[in-house]
């Protein structure tokens, strides 16, 4: 039952997001891969709607679950990579 609910939400977001004019963050690249220092393109079949109303795509459910274990930290890393891949390397060295 939970799988169908999650699938339904993902389909709803995928269909409704363009109608609302909401584009996914990072042009649909996997947010977890961005946080890890690579940019894997996705079809946005697995998504997360943040509390701020932003849409984040993931390459698979496991990537989403890993991302949501520490969403703030992963968002910081993903944004750093998106802005400048070299910054993420500096952040990783400091940790």
Protein backbone atom coordinates (compact mmCIF):
# COMPACT_ATOMS: atom_id res chain seq x y z
CA UNK A 1 0.00 0.00 0.00
CA UNK A 2 2.80 2.44 0.89
CA UNK A 3 4.50 1.75 -2.42
CA UNK A 4 1.35 2.67 -4.33
CA UNK A 5 0.96 5.84 -2.30
CA UNK A 6 4.56 6.89 -2.96
CA UNK A 7 4.23 6.03 -6.63
CA UNK A 8 1.01 8.03 -6.82
CA UNK A 9 2.66 11.06 -5.24
CA UNK A 10 5.65 10.79 -7.59
CA UNK A 11 3.35 10.57 -10.62
CA UNK A 12 1.28 13.49 -9.37
CA UNK A 13 4.38 15.64 -8.90
CA UNK A 14 5.79 14.63 -12.26
CA UNK A 15 2.55 15.53 -14.01
CA UNK A 16 1.54 18.55 -11.95
CA UNK A 17 4.93 20.24 -11.53
CA UNK A 18 5.13 21.46 -15.14
CA UNK A 19 1.56 22.75 -14.86
CA UNK A 20 2.50 24.74 -11.75
CA UNK A 21 5.61 26.02 -13.46
CA UNK A 22 7.78 24.33 -10.84
CA UNK A 23 11.02 22.99 -12.21
CA UNK A 24 13.06 20.51 -10.21
CA UNK A 25 16.21 21.75 -8.57
CA UNK A 26 19.53 21.08 -10.34
CA UNK A 27 17.73 20.63 -13.68
CA UNK A 28 16.54 17.20 -12.58
CA UNK A 29 19.94 15.79 -11.65
CA UNK A 30 20.00 13.37 -8.71
CA UNK A 31 20.33 15.46 -5.54
CA UNK A 32 22.23 12.68 -3.75
CA UNK A 33 24.72 12.28 -6.58
CA UNK A 34 25.22 16.05 -6.53
CA UNK A 35 25.92 15.87 -2.78
CA UNK A 36 28.48 13.13 -3.49
CA UNK A 37 30.25 15.10 -6.21
CA UNK A 38 28.77 13.85 -9.47
CA UNK A 39 25.80 14.89 -11.52
CA UNK A 40 23.67 11.94 -12.55
CA UNK A 41 20.74 12.89 -14.79
CA UNK A 42 17.35 11.48 -13.86
CA UNK A 43 13.86 11.24 -15.30
CA UNK A 44 12.55 12.51 -11.93
CA UNK A 45 10.60 9.30 -11.28
CA UNK A 46 11.74 9.47 -7.63
CA UNK A 47 11.23 12.89 -6.06
CA UNK A 48 11.13 14.66 -2.72
CA UNK A 49 9.16 17.83 -2.11
CA UNK A 50 11.07 19.84 0.48
CA UNK A 51 9.35 21.80 3.25
CA UNK A 52 10.21 24.92 1.22
CA UNK A 53 8.24 23.53 -1.73
CA UNK A 54 11.25 22.71 -3.90
CA UNK A 55 11.32 19.53 -5.97
CA UNK A 56 14.41 17.33 -5.79
CA UNK A 57 14.89 14.33 -8.09
CA UNK A 58 16.75 11.12 -7.34
CA UNK A 59 18.14 8.33 -9.48
CA UNK A 60 16.42 5.71 -7.30
CA UNK A 61 14.63 5.21 -3.98
CA UNK A 62 17.85 4.21 -2.19
CA UNK A 63 19.47 7.54 -3.16
CA UNK A 64 16.46 9.43 -1.82
CA UNK A 65 16.49 7.51 1.46
CA UNK A 66 20.22 8.13 1.89
CA UNK A 67 19.74 11.84 1.13
CA UNK A 68 16.95 12.16 3.68
CA UNK A 69 19.13 10.77 6.48
CA UNK A 70 20.83 14.19 6.58
CA UNK A 71 18.90 16.51 4.26
CA UNK A 72 20.44 19.82 5.39
CA UNK A 73 24.00 18.59 5.00
CA UNK A 74 23.24 16.94 1.69
CA UNK A 75 21.50 20.04 0.37
CA UNK A 76 24.53 22.12 1.35
CA UNK A 77 26.87 19.74 -0.48
CA UNK A 78 24.61 19.49 -3.54
CA UNK A 79 24.33 23.27 -3.79
CA UNK A 80 28.07 23.65 -3.40
CA UNK A 81 28.64 21.15 -6.21
CA UNK A 82 26.06 22.83 -8.41
CA UNK A 83 27.60 26.26 -7.90
CA UNK A 84 31.20 25.11 -8.22
CA UNK A 85 32.38 21.47 -8.12
CA UNK A 86 35.71 22.56 -6.60
CA UNK A 87 33.95 24.00 -3.53
CA UNK A 88 32.52 20.58 -2.70
CA UNK A 89 36.04 19.14 -2.71
CA UNK A 90 37.07 21.80 -0.18
CA UNK A 91 34.07 21.03 2.03
CA UNK A 92 34.85 17.32 1.96
CA UNK A 93 38.49 17.95 2.95
CA UNK A 94 37.35 19.99 5.98
CA UNK A 95 35.09 17.20 7.25
